[in-house]
Amino acid sequence: MRLRDVFAELLRERGIERIWGPEKSLQKLAVLVATGKAVVCRAKGCRCSIDLNGNFLNEPAQAYVGDASSTSGCDEVILTGKELVEKCRKYRFPYIAVDCSYFHLHSEKERKKLVLQLKCALGVVREFMWDEKMVITGARFEELNVLYYSSLEDFLTEKRFDKVILLDPNAENVFDGQRADCYIIGGIVDMSGNKKGLTTEIGKRLEKAGIDFEARKILLRGDVIGVPDRINSITEIILRTVLDGEYIEDAIRAVQSHVVARWRLKKELPKYTIRVDTSRPFRLVKKSTFAEFNWLNLGWKDFFEVCRQLEFVVVDDRIVDEIVANSSYDSRKNRYILKSTFNNS
């Protein structure tokens, strides 16, 4: 359930099936209304529209989304932002709180990357909810129009949420889509390697303040390697699982960059190799092995690149089977020794 779904529900209740506005995406129109920048008015003179599934229609709109600061041309207001946000309370859209209290520990380059990730995270929040649902604590960034609190503790104390989850890669428990009123992400970019454990420090601060929360880590098949660590990526994984109902593995793959996927492939691929010894040892990888990693966001180019970096030889399955059939197996060293007759042929 995203904001657009609540928006569509309210429009249907008011007899509206076709709408028009400055944006051609129903979610973007809903964000304009929810943030108070626009209201929904009875349409007049709109020759085309989009339906409530976002499809373009060559039919006149029944309503349009207009500027909330200038409703002189709005003969009848059908839906306001206040009404939309009130309806959303029923569905418990969560807050995404990014704690940036360690911003001062970042280098100038890290700070720029952090701000970029925050901007991207706000973009993700707008794809699912609206601006008010993103909170930044411990620092302020003028270019980001979100809720700000001087500290995470102040925000949580004021809101008194029933359930809070801190996403911490060092946590004992695993996140697999558990619902919460607020998800906390550490506003940390660690390019220098000197900020390890800072997210855990956030948890220690909350414990000291007497604030109840759960610390959970996101894993991909039992490992943090391959899990995107950017703030915007973590935000999207959370919202895909919690609001869209996706499985955690599917959500991770959907936001996983090829670079991050290759990191995980480098760890997993050696398990699939076959060691063959001739004059020198080398490792073979069956071409069909690529299909074993459909849970990673990989293309053939990524697969071959990782094999090249690891100095593995990708070979057609039939050829690998022939090599194995013409080799003797050394169980002590888990290797195949190629017979000289096959080698000479």
C-alpha atoms as a PDB file:
ATOM      1  CA  MET A   1       0.000   0.000   0.000  1.00  0.00           C
ATOM      2  CA  ARG A   2       1.555   3.260  -1.173  1.00  0.00           C
ATOM      3  CA  LEU A   3       0.293   6.823  -0.885  1.00  0.00           C
ATOM      4  CA  ARG A   4      -1.085   6.627  -4.433  1.00  0.00           C
ATOM      5  CA  ASP A   5      -3.325   3.722  -3.389  1.00  0.00           C
ATOM      6  CA  VAL A   6      -4.876   5.741  -0.554  1.00  0.00           C
ATOM      7  CA  PHE A   7      -5.227   8.693  -2.937  1.00  0.00           C
ATOM      8  CA  ALA A   8      -7.044   6.514  -5.474  1.00  0.00           C
ATOM      9  CA  GLU A   9      -9.276   5.070  -2.755  1.00  0.00           C
ATOM     10  CA  LEU A  10     -10.395   8.538  -1.652  1.00  0.00           C
ATOM     11  CA  LEU A  11     -11.006   9.661  -5.231  1.00  0.00           C
ATOM     12  CA  ARG A  12     -13.164   6.601  -5.929  1.00  0.00           C
ATOM     13  CA  GLU A  13     -15.170   7.329  -2.781  1.00  0.00           C
ATOM     14  CA  ARG A  14     -15.897  10.737  -4.314  1.00  0.00           C
ATOM     15  CA  GLY A  15     -16.881   9.255  -7.665  1.00  0.00           C
ATOM     16  CA  ILE A  16     -13.654  10.189  -9.452  1.00  0.00           C
ATOM     17  CA  GLU A  17     -12.110   7.690 -11.892  1.00  0.00           C
ATOM     18  CA  ARG A  18     -10.195  10.074 -14.183  1.00  0.00           C
ATOM     19  CA  ILE A  19      -7.878  12.880 -13.088  1.00  0.00           C
ATOM     20  CA  TRP A  20      -5.365  15.361 -14.533  1.00  0.00           C
ATOM     21  CA  GLY A  21      -2.625  17.586 -13.173  1.00  0.00           C
ATOM     22  CA  PRO A  22       0.912  18.944 -13.520  1.00  0.00           C
ATOM     23  CA  GLU A  23       2.347  15.438 -13.056  1.00  0.00           C
ATOM     24  CA  LYS A  24       1.387  12.375 -15.073  1.00  0.00           C
ATOM     25  CA  SER A  25       2.155   9.979 -12.209  1.00  0.00           C
ATOM     26  CA  LEU A  26      -0.601   9.277  -9.689  1.00  0.00           C
ATOM     27  CA  GLN A  27       1.993   8.962  -6.910  1.00  0.00           C
ATOM     28  CA  LYS A  28       3.496  12.369  -7.738  1.00  0.00           C
ATOM     29  CA  LEU A  29       0.036  13.949  -7.787  1.00  0.00           C
ATOM     30  CA  ALA A  30      -0.679  12.354  -4.415  1.00  0.00           C
ATOM     31  CA  VAL A  31       2.574  13.765  -2.988  1.00  0.00           C
ATOM     32  CA  LEU A  32       1.626  17.276  -4.163  1.00  0.00           C
ATOM     33  CA  VAL A  33      -1.696  16.968  -2.347  1.00  0.00           C
ATOM     34  CA  ALA A  34      -0.287  15.318   0.810  1.00  0.00           C
ATOM     35  CA  THR A  35       2.389  18.012   1.199  1.00  0.00           C
ATOM     36  CA  GLY A  36      -0.226  20.765   0.947  1.00  0.00           C
ATOM     37  CA  LYS A  37       1.079  22.112  -2.356  1.00  0.00           C
ATOM     38  CA  ALA A  38      -2.090  21.179  -4.232  1.00  0.00           C
ATOM     39  CA  VAL A  39      -5.753  20.282  -3.859  1.00  0.00           C
ATOM     40  CA  VAL A  40      -8.059  18.195  -6.020  1.00  0.00           C
ATOM     41  CA  CYS A  41     -10.713  20.275  -7.785  1.00  0.00           C
ATOM     42  CA  ARG A  42     -13.679  19.478 -10.005  1.00  0.00           C
ATOM     43  CA  ALA A  43     -12.364  19.532 -13.571  1.00  0.00           C
ATOM     44  CA  LYS A  44     -13.480  21.777 -16.371  1.00  0.00           C
ATOM     45  CA  GLY A  45     -12.044  21.871 -19.857  1.00  0.00           C
ATOM     46  CA  CYS A  46      -9.522  19.017 -19.409  1.00  0.00           C
ATOM     47  CA  ARG A  47      -9.647  17.000 -22.622  1.00  0.00           C
ATOM     48  CA  CYS A  48      -7.433  14.127 -21.466  1.00  0.00           C
ATOM     49  CA  SER A  49      -6.774  12.321 -18.203  1.00  0.00           C
ATOM     50  CA  ILE A  50      -5.136   9.422 -16.420  1.00  0.00           C
ATOM     51  CA  ASP A  51      -7.127   6.710 -14.712  1.00  0.00           C
ATOM     52  CA  LEU A  52      -6.500   5.632 -11.140  1.00  0.00           C
ATOM     53  CA  ASN A  53      -4.082   2.975 -12.344  1.00  0.00           C
ATOM     54  CA  GLY A  54      -1.938   5.669 -13.966  1.00  0.00           C
ATOM     55  CA  ASN A  55      -2.938   4.915 -17.576  1.00  0.00           C
ATOM     56  CA  PHE A  56      -3.265   7.800 -20.047  1.00  0.00           C
ATOM     57  CA  LEU A  57      -6.760   8.287 -21.495  1.00  0.00           C
ATOM     58  CA  ASN A  58      -8.141  10.410 -24.326  1.00  0.00           C
ATOM     59  CA  GLU A  59     -11.168  11.127 -22.167  1.00  0.00           C
ATOM     60  CA  PRO A  60     -12.020  14.293 -20.230  1.00  0.00           C
ATOM     61  CA  ALA A  61     -10.839  14.389 -16.622  1.00  0.00           C
ATOM     62  CA  GLN A  62     -13.408  14.486 -13.836  1.00  0.00           C
ATOM     63  CA  ALA A  63     -10.969  16.250 -11.497  1.00  0.00           C
ATOM     64  CA  TYR A  64      -7.631  18.019 -11.641  1.00  0.00           C
ATOM     65  CA  VAL A  65      -4.841  18.699  -9.167  1.00  0.00           C
ATOM     66  CA  GLY A  66      -4.350  22.443  -8.819  1.00  0.00           C
ATOM     67  CA  ASP A  67      -2.131  24.825  -6.865  1.00  0.00           C
ATOM     68  CA  ALA A  68      -3.326  24.997  -3.249  1.00  0.00           C
ATOM     69  CA  SER A  69      -2.130  28.610  -2.918  1.00  0.00           C
ATOM     70  CA  SER A  70      -4.388  29.767  -5.744  1.00  0.00           C
ATOM     71  CA  THR A  71      -7.817  28.149  -5.734  1.00  0.00           C
ATOM     72  CA  SER A  72      -9.583  31.007  -7.525  1.00  0.00           C
ATOM     73  CA  GLY A  73     -10.189  28.735 -10.513  1.00  0.00           C
ATOM     74  CA  CYS A  74     -11.374  25.870  -8.330  1.00  0.00           C
ATOM     75  CA  ASP A  75     -15.168  25.861  -8.272  1.00  0.00           C
ATOM     76  CA  GLU A  76     -15.333  22.770  -6.056  1.00  0.00           C
ATOM     77  CA  VAL A  77     -12.598  21.309  -3.856  1.00  0.00           C
ATOM     78  CA  ILE A  78     -12.907  17.529  -3.897  1.00  0.00           C
ATOM     79  CA  LEU A  79      -9.926  16.527  -1.739  1.00  0.00           C
ATOM     80  CA  THR A  80      -7.402  18.379   0.424  1.00  0.00           C
ATOM     81  CA  GLY A  81      -4.009  17.366   1.749  1.00  0.00           C
ATOM     82  CA  LYS A  82      -5.339  17.324   5.296  1.00  0.00           C
ATOM     83  CA  GLU A  83      -8.005  14.787   4.334  1.00  0.00           C
ATOM     84  CA  LEU A  84      -5.486  12.614   2.500  1.00  0.00           C
ATOM     85  CA  VAL A  85      -2.986  12.581   5.368  1.00  0.00           C
ATOM     86  CA  GLU A  86      -5.758  11.832   7.865  1.00  0.00           C
ATOM     87  CA  LYS A  87      -6.854   8.824   5.800  1.00  0.00           C
ATOM     88  CA  CYS A  88      -3.234   7.611   5.703  1.00  0.00           C
ATOM     89  CA  ARG A  89      -3.162   7.279   9.502  1.00  0.00           C
ATOM     90  CA  LYS A  90      -5.300   4.179   9.110  1.00  0.00           C
ATOM     91  CA  TYR A  91      -2.503   2.470   7.173  1.00  0.00           C
ATOM     92  CA  ARG A  92       0.350   3.375   9.549  1.00  0.00           C
ATOM     93  CA  PHE A  93       2.860   4.633   7.018  1.00  0.00           C
ATOM     94  CA  PRO A  94       6.195   4.489   8.871  1.00  0.00           C
ATOM     95  CA  TYR A  95       8.749   7.205   9.459  1.00  0.00           C
ATOM     96  CA  ILE A  96      12.245   6.874   8.033  1.00  0.00           C
ATOM     97  CA  ALA A  97      14.565   8.591  10.530  1.00  0.00           C
ATOM     98  CA  VAL A  98      18.161   9.193   9.465  1.00  0.00           C
ATOM     99  CA  ASP A  99      20.434  10.060  12.373  1.00  0.00           C
ATOM    100  CA  CYS A 100      23.197  12.419  11.206  1.00  0.00           C
ATOM    101  CA  SER A 101      24.626  13.223  14.630  1.00  0.00           C
ATOM    102  CA  TYR A 102      28.051  11.983  13.479  1.00  0.00           C
ATOM    103  CA  PHE A 103      28.154  14.293  10.477  1.00  0.00           C
ATOM    104  CA  HIS A 104      31.102  16.177  12.002  1.00  0.00           C
ATOM    105  CA  LEU A 105      33.259  13.042  11.780  1.00  0.00           C
ATOM    106  CA  HIS A 106      32.972  12.944   7.990  1.00  0.00           C
ATOM    107  CA  SER A 107      35.483  14.310   5.520  1.00  0.00           C
ATOM    108  CA  GLU A 108      34.342  16.884   2.967  1.00  0.00           C
ATOM    109  CA  LYS A 109      34.051  14.204   0.295  1.00  0.00           C
ATOM    110  CA  GLU A 110      32.067  11.939   2.616  1.00  0.00           C
ATOM    111  CA  ARG A 111      29.754  14.823   3.518  1.00  0.00           C
ATOM    112  CA  LYS A 112      28.942  15.442  -0.131  1.00  0.00           C
ATOM    113  CA  LYS A 113      28.174  11.758  -0.638  1.00  0.00           C
ATOM    114  CA  LEU A 114      26.032  11.733   2.499  1.00  0.00           C
ATOM    115  CA  VAL A 115      23.966  14.704   1.325  1.00  0.00           C
ATOM    116  CA  LEU A 116      23.543  13.053  -2.080  1.00  0.00           C
ATOM    117  CA  GLN A 117      22.322   9.841  -0.444  1.00  0.00           C
ATOM    118  CA  LEU A 118      19.876  11.836   1.690  1.00  0.00           C
ATOM    119  CA  LYS A 119      18.481  13.534  -1.412  1.00  0.00           C
ATOM    120  CA  CYS A 120      18.082  10.151  -3.084  1.00  0.00           C
ATOM    121  CA  ALA A 121      16.440   8.757   0.067  1.00  0.00           C
ATOM    122  CA  LEU A 122      13.885  11.576  -0.021  1.00  0.00           C
ATOM    123  CA  GLY A 123      13.206  10.655  -3.642  1.00  0.00           C
ATOM    124  CA  VAL A 124      12.592   7.062  -2.548  1.00  0.00           C
ATOM    125  CA  VAL A 125      10.270   8.183   0.259  1.00  0.00           C
ATOM    126  CA  ARG A 126       8.270  10.188  -2.304  1.00  0.00           C
ATOM    127  CA  GLU A 127       7.861   7.059  -4.435  1.00  0.00           C
ATOM    128  CA  PHE A 128       6.091   5.322  -1.552  1.00  0.00           C
ATOM    129  CA  MET A 129       4.867   7.985   0.900  1.00  0.00           C
ATOM    130  CA  TRP A 130       5.413  11.753   1.169  1.00  0.00           C
ATOM    131  CA  ASP A 131       8.005  14.227   2.491  1.00  0.00           C
ATOM    132  CA  GLU A 132       6.735  14.371   6.072  1.00  0.00           C
ATOM    133  CA  LYS A 133       7.634  10.721   6.551  1.00  0.00           C
ATOM    134  CA  MET A 134      11.372  11.369   6.303  1.00  0.00           C
ATOM    135  CA  VAL A 135      13.090  12.792   9.371  1.00  0.00           C
ATOM    136  CA  ILE A 136      16.705  13.911   9.746  1.00  0.00           C
ATOM    137  CA  THR A 137      18.141  14.247  13.237  1.00  0.00           C
ATOM    138  CA  GLY A 138      21.390  15.673  14.545  1.00  0.00           C
ATOM    139  CA  ALA A 139      22.119  17.934  11.561  1.00  0.00           C
ATOM    140  CA  ARG A 140      20.309  20.224   9.145  1.00  0.00           C
ATOM    141  CA  PHE A 141      20.594  20.499   5.371  1.00  0.00           C
ATOM    142  CA  GLU A 142      18.908  23.506   3.784  1.00  0.00           C
ATOM    143  CA  GLU A 143      18.518  21.783   0.429  1.00  0.00           C
ATOM    144  CA  LEU A 144      16.320  19.056   1.951  1.00  0.00           C
ATOM    145  CA  ASN A 145      12.750  19.970   2.872  1.00  0.00           C
ATOM    146  CA  VAL A 146      12.009  17.308   5.489  1.00  0.00           C
ATOM    147  CA  LEU A 147      11.298  17.177   9.215  1.00  0.00           C
ATOM    148  CA  TYR A 148      14.290  18.035  11.422  1.00  0.00           C
ATOM    149  CA  TYR A 149      14.992  17.339  15.090  1.00  0.00           C
ATOM    150  CA  SER A 150      18.056  18.329  17.070  1.00  0.00           C
ATOM    151  CA  SER A 151      18.471  14.738  18.236  1.00  0.00           C
ATOM    152  CA  LEU A 152      17.044  11.310  17.529  1.00  0.00           C
ATOM    153  CA  GLU A 153      16.203  10.971  21.197  1.00  0.00           C
ATOM    154  CA  ASP A 154      14.039  14.125  21.095  1.00  0.00           C
ATOM    155  CA  PHE A 155      12.148  12.871  18.049  1.00  0.00           C
ATOM    156  CA  LEU A 156      11.424   9.427  19.499  1.00  0.00           C
ATOM    157  CA  THR A 157      10.506  10.825  22.906  1.00  0.00           C
ATOM    158  CA  GLU A 158       8.033  13.234  21.337  1.00  0.00           C
ATOM    159  CA  LYS A 159       6.388  10.663  19.064  1.00  0.00           C
ATOM    160  CA  ARG A 160       6.237   7.779  21.588  1.00  0.00           C
ATOM    161  CA  PHE A 161       6.067   5.088  18.922  1.00  0.00           C
ATOM    162  CA  ASP A 162       4.891   1.595  19.794  1.00  0.00           C
ATOM    163  CA  LYS A 163       7.666  -0.043  17.780  1.00  0.00           C
ATOM    164  CA  VAL A 164      11.008   1.268  16.542  1.00  0.00           C
ATOM    165  CA  ILE A 165      13.604  -0.656  14.509  1.00  0.00           C
ATOM    166  CA  LEU A 166      17.234   0.412  14.192  1.00  0.00           C
ATOM    167  CA  LEU A 167      18.911  -0.980  11.074  1.00  0.00           C
ATOM    168  CA  ASP A 168      22.354  -1.978  12.322  1.00  0.00           C
ATOM    169  CA  PRO A 169      24.683  -4.307  10.356  1.00  0.00           C
ATOM    170  CA  ASN A 170      26.121  -5.506  13.682  1.00  0.00           C
ATOM    171  CA  ALA A 171      22.770  -6.451  15.231  1.00  0.00           C
ATOM    172  CA  GLU A 172      22.035 -10.009  16.319  1.00  0.00           C
ATOM    173  CA  ASN A 173      18.497 -10.194  14.931  1.00  0.00           C
ATOM    174  CA  VAL A 174      17.650 -10.160  11.220  1.00  0.00           C
ATOM    175  CA  PHE A 175      15.237  -7.816   9.454  1.00  0.00           C
ATOM    176  CA  ASP A 176      12.900  -9.613   7.091  1.00  0.00           C
ATOM    177  CA  GLY A 177      10.025  -7.167   6.794  1.00  0.00           C
ATOM    178  CA  GLN A 178       8.912  -6.642  10.389  1.00  0.00           C
ATOM    179  CA  ARG A 179       6.555  -3.678  10.628  1.00  0.00           C
ATOM    180  CA  ALA A 180       7.403  -0.705  12.815  1.00  0.00           C
ATOM    181  CA  ASP A 181       6.251   2.866  13.315  1.00  0.00           C
ATOM    182  CA  CYS A 182       9.766   4.155  12.693  1.00  0.00           C
ATOM    183  CA  TYR A 183      12.890   2.778  11.030  1.00  0.00           C
ATOM    184  CA  ILE A 184      16.213   4.339  11.990  1.00  0.00           C
ATOM    185  CA  ILE A 185      19.111   4.439   9.551  1.00  0.00           C
ATOM    186  CA  GLY A 186      22.566   5.692  10.460  1.00  0.00           C
ATOM    187  CA  GLY A 187      23.510   8.786   8.471  1.00  0.00           C
ATOM    188  CA  ILE A 188      27.024   7.495   7.937  1.00  0.00           C
ATOM    189  CA  VAL A 189      29.276   7.318   4.871  1.00  0.00           C
ATOM    190  CA  ASP A 190      32.478   5.463   5.673  1.00  0.00           C
ATOM    191  CA  MET A 191      35.019   5.860   2.878  1.00  0.00           C
ATOM    192  CA  SER A 192      37.998   6.046   5.230  1.00  0.00           C
ATOM    193  CA  GLY A 193      37.135   2.996   7.338  1.00  0.00           C
ATOM    194  CA  ASN A 194      37.165   4.873  10.647  1.00  0.00           C
ATOM    195  CA  LYS A 195      33.436   4.854  11.370  1.00  0.00           C
ATOM    196  CA  LYS A 196      32.757   1.184  11.951  1.00  0.00           C
ATOM    197  CA  GLY A 197      30.292   0.557  14.756  1.00  0.00           C
ATOM    198  CA  LEU A 198      28.777   4.054  14.795  1.00  0.00           C
ATOM    199  CA  THR A 199      25.287   2.708  14.079  1.00  0.00           C
ATOM    200  CA  THR A 200      25.678   0.487  17.136  1.00  0.00           C
ATOM    201  CA  GLU A 201      26.587   3.624  19.096  1.00  0.00           C
ATOM    202  CA  ILE A 202      23.226   5.090  18.094  1.00  0.00           C
ATOM    203  CA  GLY A 203      21.592   2.100  19.757  1.00  0.00           C
ATOM    204  CA  LYS A 204      23.641   2.600  22.914  1.00  0.00           C
ATOM    205  CA  ARG A 205      22.453   6.210  23.074  1.00  0.00           C
ATOM    206  CA  LEU A 206      18.840   5.109  22.792  1.00  0.00           C
ATOM    207  CA  GLU A 207      19.318   2.540  25.541  1.00  0.00           C
ATOM    208  CA  LYS A 208      20.838   5.210  27.775  1.00  0.00           C
ATOM    209  CA  ALA A 209      17.832   7.458  27.096  1.00  0.00           C
ATOM    210  CA  GLY A 210      15.455   4.635  28.047  1.00  0.00           C
ATOM    211  CA  ILE A 211      13.934   4.360  24.574  1.00  0.00           C
ATOM    212  CA  ASP A 212      12.647   0.938  23.524  1.00  0.00           C
ATOM    213  CA  PHE A 213      13.752  -0.282  20.103  1.00  0.00           C
ATOM    214  CA  GLU A 214      14.835  -3.379  18.210  1.00  0.00           C
ATOM    215  CA  ALA A 215      18.177  -3.576  16.419  1.00  0.00           C
ATOM    216  CA  ARG A 216      18.060  -5.648  13.236  1.00  0.00           C
ATOM    217  CA  LYS A 217      20.399  -6.263  10.329  1.00  0.00           C
ATOM    218  CA  ILE A 218      19.592  -6.876   6.687  1.00  0.00           C
ATOM    219  CA  LEU A 219      21.107 -10.090   5.349  1.00  0.00           C
ATOM    220  CA  LEU A 220      21.166 -11.642   1.901  1.00  0.00           C
ATOM    221  CA  ARG A 221      21.180 -15.416   2.265  1.00  0.00           C
ATOM    222  CA  GLY A 222      22.883 -15.187   5.635  1.00  0.00           C
ATOM    223  CA  ASP A 223      25.499 -12.547   4.814  1.00  0.00           C
ATOM    224  CA  VAL A 224      25.748  -8.751   4.776  1.00  0.00           C
ATOM    225  CA  ILE A 225      27.957  -8.909   1.679  1.00  0.00           C
ATOM    226  CA  GLY A 226      25.767  -8.032  -1.281  1.00  0.00           C
ATOM    227  CA  VAL A 227      23.381  -5.911   0.782  1.00  0.00           C
ATOM    228  CA  PRO A 228      23.470  -2.290  -0.453  1.00  0.00           C
ATOM    229  CA  ASP A 229      24.619   0.041   2.324  1.00  0.00           C
ATOM    230  CA  ARG A 230      23.633   3.436   0.927  1.00  0.00           C
ATOM    231  CA  ILE A 231      20.970   5.301   2.882  1.00  0.00           C
ATOM    232  CA  ASN A 232      18.629   5.506  -0.099  1.00  0.00           C
ATOM    233  CA  SER A 233      19.066   1.800  -0.877  1.00  0.00           C
ATOM    234  CA  ILE A 234      18.312   0.747   2.700  1.00  0.00           C
ATOM    235  CA  THR A 235      15.271   3.032   2.659  1.00  0.00           C
ATOM    236  CA  GLU A 236      13.969   1.396  -0.502  1.00  0.00           C
ATOM    237  CA  ILE A 237      14.558  -2.137   0.798  1.00  0.00           C
ATOM    238  CA  ILE A 238      12.551  -1.297   3.921  1.00  0.00           C
ATOM    239  CA  LEU A 239       9.647   0.283   2.040  1.00  0.00           C
ATOM    240  CA  ARG A 240       9.495  -2.434  -0.611  1.00  0.00           C
ATOM    241  CA  THR A 241       9.171  -5.119   2.056  1.00  0.00           C
ATOM    242  CA  VAL A 242       6.908  -3.225   4.457  1.00  0.00           C
ATOM    243  CA  LEU A 243       4.589  -1.368   2.057  1.00  0.00           C
ATOM    244  CA  ASP A 244       4.748  -3.460  -1.127  1.00  0.00           C
ATOM    245  CA  GLY A 245       4.998  -6.810   0.644  1.00  0.00           C
ATOM    246  CA  GLU A 246       8.069  -7.975  -1.292  1.00  0.00           C
ATOM    247  CA  TYR A 247      10.305 -10.704   0.051  1.00  0.00           C
ATOM    248  CA  ILE A 248      13.518  -9.268   1.462  1.00  0.00           C
ATOM    249  CA  GLU A 249      15.654 -11.071  -1.122  1.00  0.00           C
ATOM    250  CA  ASP A 250      13.597  -9.663  -4.002  1.00  0.00           C
ATOM    251  CA  ALA A 251      13.770  -6.167  -2.517  1.00  0.00           C
ATOM    252  CA  ILE A 252      17.551  -6.376  -2.150  1.00  0.00           C
ATOM    253  CA  ARG A 253      18.006  -7.567  -5.728  1.00  0.00           C
ATOM    254  CA  ALA A 254      15.758  -4.775  -7.027  1.00  0.00           C
ATOM    255  CA  VAL A 255      17.968  -2.045  -5.544  1.00  0.00           C
ATOM    256  CA  GLN A 256      21.315  -3.836  -5.718  1.00  0.00           C
ATOM    257  CA  SER A 257      23.912  -2.242  -7.992  1.00  0.00           C
ATOM    258  CA  HIS A 258      26.019  -4.439 -10.263  1.00  0.00           C
ATOM    259  CA  VAL A 259      29.102  -3.490  -8.238  1.00  0.00           C
ATOM    260  CA  VAL A 260      27.560  -4.717  -4.975  1.00  0.00           C
ATOM    261  CA  ALA A 261      26.309  -7.880  -6.688  1.00  0.00           C
ATOM    262  CA  ARG A 262      29.827  -8.610  -7.943  1.00  0.00           C
ATOM    263  CA  TRP A 263      31.171  -8.316  -4.386  1.00  0.00           C
ATOM    264  CA  ARG A 264      28.893 -11.165  -3.336  1.00  0.00           C
ATOM    265  CA  LEU A 265      29.639 -13.195  -6.451  1.00  0.00           C
ATOM    266  CA  LYS A 266      33.352 -13.021  -5.641  1.00  0.00           C
ATOM    267  CA  LYS A 267      32.630 -14.667  -2.318  1.00  0.00           C
ATOM    268  CA  GLU A 268      30.261 -17.336  -3.634  1.00  0.00           C
ATOM    269  CA  LEU A 269      31.831 -18.324  -6.943  1.00  0.00           C
ATOM    270  CA  PRO A 270      34.845 -20.283  -5.582  1.00  0.00           C
ATOM    271  CA  LYS A 271      32.375 -22.827  -4.153  1.00  0.00           C
ATOM    272  CA  TYR A 272      31.318 -23.704  -7.711  1.00  0.00           C
ATOM    273  CA  THR A 273      34.753 -24.130  -9.262  1.00  0.00           C
ATOM    274  CA  ILE A 274      36.451 -27.344 -10.293  1.00  0.00           C
ATOM    275  CA  ARG A 275      40.197 -27.517  -9.757  1.00  0.00           C
ATOM    276  CA  VAL A 276      42.103 -29.189 -12.557  1.00  0.00           C
ATOM    277  CA  ASP A 277      45.845 -29.839 -12.466  1.00  0.00           C
ATOM    278  CA  THR A 278      47.988 -30.263 -15.535  1.00  0.00           C
ATOM    279  CA  SER A 279      51.387 -28.634 -15.712  1.00  0.00           C
ATOM    280  CA  ARG A 280      49.867 -25.942 -13.500  1.00  0.00           C
ATOM    281  CA  PRO A 281      46.601 -25.822 -11.540  1.00  0.00           C
ATOM    282  CA  PHE A 282      43.613 -23.840 -12.767  1.00  0.00           C
ATOM    283  CA  ARG A 283      39.946 -23.579 -11.857  1.00  0.00           C
ATOM    284  CA  LEU A 284      37.029 -24.161 -14.188  1.00  0.00           C
ATOM    285  CA  VAL A 285      33.550 -22.699 -13.899  1.00  0.00           C
ATOM    286  CA  LYS A 286      30.687 -24.225 -15.834  1.00  0.00           C
ATOM    287  CA  LYS A 287      28.862 -21.717 -18.008  1.00  0.00           C
ATOM    288  CA  SER A 288      25.563 -22.891 -16.523  1.00  0.00           C
ATOM    289  CA  THR A 289      26.744 -21.711 -13.086  1.00  0.00           C
ATOM    290  CA  PHE A 290      25.564 -18.222 -14.047  1.00  0.00           C
ATOM    291  CA  ALA A 291      21.962 -19.396 -13.551  1.00  0.00           C
ATOM    292  CA  GLU A 292      22.729 -20.305  -9.928  1.00  0.00           C
ATOM    293  CA  PHE A 293      23.070 -16.589  -9.129  1.00  0.00           C
ATOM    294  CA  ASN A 294      19.691 -15.351 -10.318  1.00  0.00           C
ATOM    295  CA  TRP A 295      19.233 -13.926  -6.807  1.00  0.00           C
ATOM    296  CA  LEU A 296      21.928 -11.349  -7.567  1.00  0.00           C
ATOM    297  CA  ASN A 297      21.556  -8.377  -9.905  1.00  0.00           C
ATOM    298  CA  LEU A 298      24.075  -9.688 -12.415  1.00  0.00           C
ATOM    299  CA  GLY A 299      24.478  -9.777 -16.165  1.00  0.00           C
ATOM    300  CA  TRP A 300      26.768 -11.979 -18.219  1.00  0.00           C
ATOM    301  CA  LYS A 301      29.282  -9.141 -18.376  1.00  0.00           C
ATOM    302  CA  ASP A 302      29.461  -9.058 -14.558  1.00  0.00           C
ATOM    303  CA  PHE A 303      29.833 -12.830 -14.386  1.00  0.00           C
ATOM    304  CA  PHE A 304      32.716 -12.946 -16.856  1.00  0.00           C
ATOM    305  CA  GLU A 305      34.415  -9.943 -15.236  1.00  0.00           C
ATOM    306  CA  VAL A 306      34.440 -11.577 -11.792  1.00  0.00           C
ATOM    307  CA  CYS A 307      35.749 -14.830 -13.282  1.00  0.00           C
ATOM    308  CA  ARG A 308      38.512 -12.860 -14.985  1.00  0.00           C
ATOM    309  CA  GLN A 309      39.454 -11.101 -11.737  1.00  0.00           C
ATOM    310  CA  LEU A 310      39.563 -14.412  -9.873  1.00  0.00           C
ATOM    311  CA  GLU A 311      41.410 -16.084 -12.775  1.00  0.00           C
ATOM    312  CA  PHE A 312      38.673 -18.691 -13.235  1.00  0.00           C
ATOM    313  CA  VAL A 313      38.100 -20.158 -16.695  1.00  0.00           C
ATOM    314  CA  VAL A 314      34.473 -20.227 -17.880  1.00  0.00           C
ATOM    315  CA  VAL A 315      33.880 -23.313 -20.009  1.00  0.00           C
ATOM    316  CA  ASP A 316      30.903 -24.904 -21.707  1.00  0.00           C
ATOM    317  CA  ASP A 317      29.352 -27.610 -19.507  1.00  0.00           C
ATOM    318  CA  ARG A 318      29.989 -30.363 -22.051  1.00  0.00           C
ATOM    319  CA  ILE A 319      33.710 -29.616 -22.130  1.00  0.00           C
ATOM    320  CA  VAL A 320      33.923 -29.575 -18.330  1.00  0.00           C
ATOM    321  CA  ASP A 321      32.222 -32.973 -18.219  1.00  0.00           C
ATOM    322  CA  GLU A 322      34.733 -34.333 -20.743  1.00  0.00           C
ATOM    323  CA  ILE A 323      37.667 -33.003 -18.719  1.00  0.00           C
ATOM    324  CA  VAL A 324      36.310 -34.573 -15.525  1.00  0.00           C
ATOM    325  CA  ALA A 325      35.678 -37.871 -17.308  1.00  0.00           C
ATOM    326  CA  ASN A 326      39.282 -37.942 -18.500  1.00  0.00           C
ATOM    327  CA  SER A 327      40.808 -37.046 -15.146  1.00  0.00           C
ATOM    328  CA  SER A 328      41.588 -38.878 -11.938  1.00  0.00           C
ATOM    329  CA  TYR A 329      40.157 -37.400  -8.752  1.00  0.00           C
ATOM    330  CA  ASP A 330      42.408 -36.539  -5.798  1.00  0.00           C
ATOM    331  CA  SER A 331      40.048 -36.374  -2.800  1.00  0.00           C
ATOM    332  CA  ARG A 332      42.804 -35.214  -0.460  1.00  0.00           C
ATOM    333  CA  LYS A 333      43.287 -31.968  -2.377  1.00  0.00           C
ATOM    334  CA  ASN A 334      39.809 -31.897  -3.954  1.00  0.00           C
ATOM    335  CA  ARG A 335      41.217 -31.695  -7.472  1.00  0.00           C
ATOM    336  CA  TYR A 336      41.109 -33.443 -10.810  1.00  0.00           C
ATOM    337  CA  ILE A 337      44.385 -34.499 -12.403  1.00  0.00           C
ATOM    338  CA  LEU A 338      44.078 -34.470 -16.158  1.00  0.00           C
ATOM    339  CA  LYS A 339      45.251 -37.683 -17.810  1.00  0.00           C
ATOM    340  CA  SER A 340      48.158 -37.165 -20.140  1.00  0.00           C
ATOM    341  CA  THR A 341      46.396 -38.980 -22.993  1.00  0.00           C
ATOM    342  CA  PHE A 342      43.546 -36.447 -22.933  1.00  0.00           C
ATOM    343  CA  ASN A 343      45.970 -33.581 -22.465  1.00  0.00           C
ATOM    344  CA  ASN A 344      47.962 -34.636 -25.541  1.00  0.00           C
ATOM    345  CA  SER A 345      44.854 -35.110 -27.644  1.00  0.00           C
END
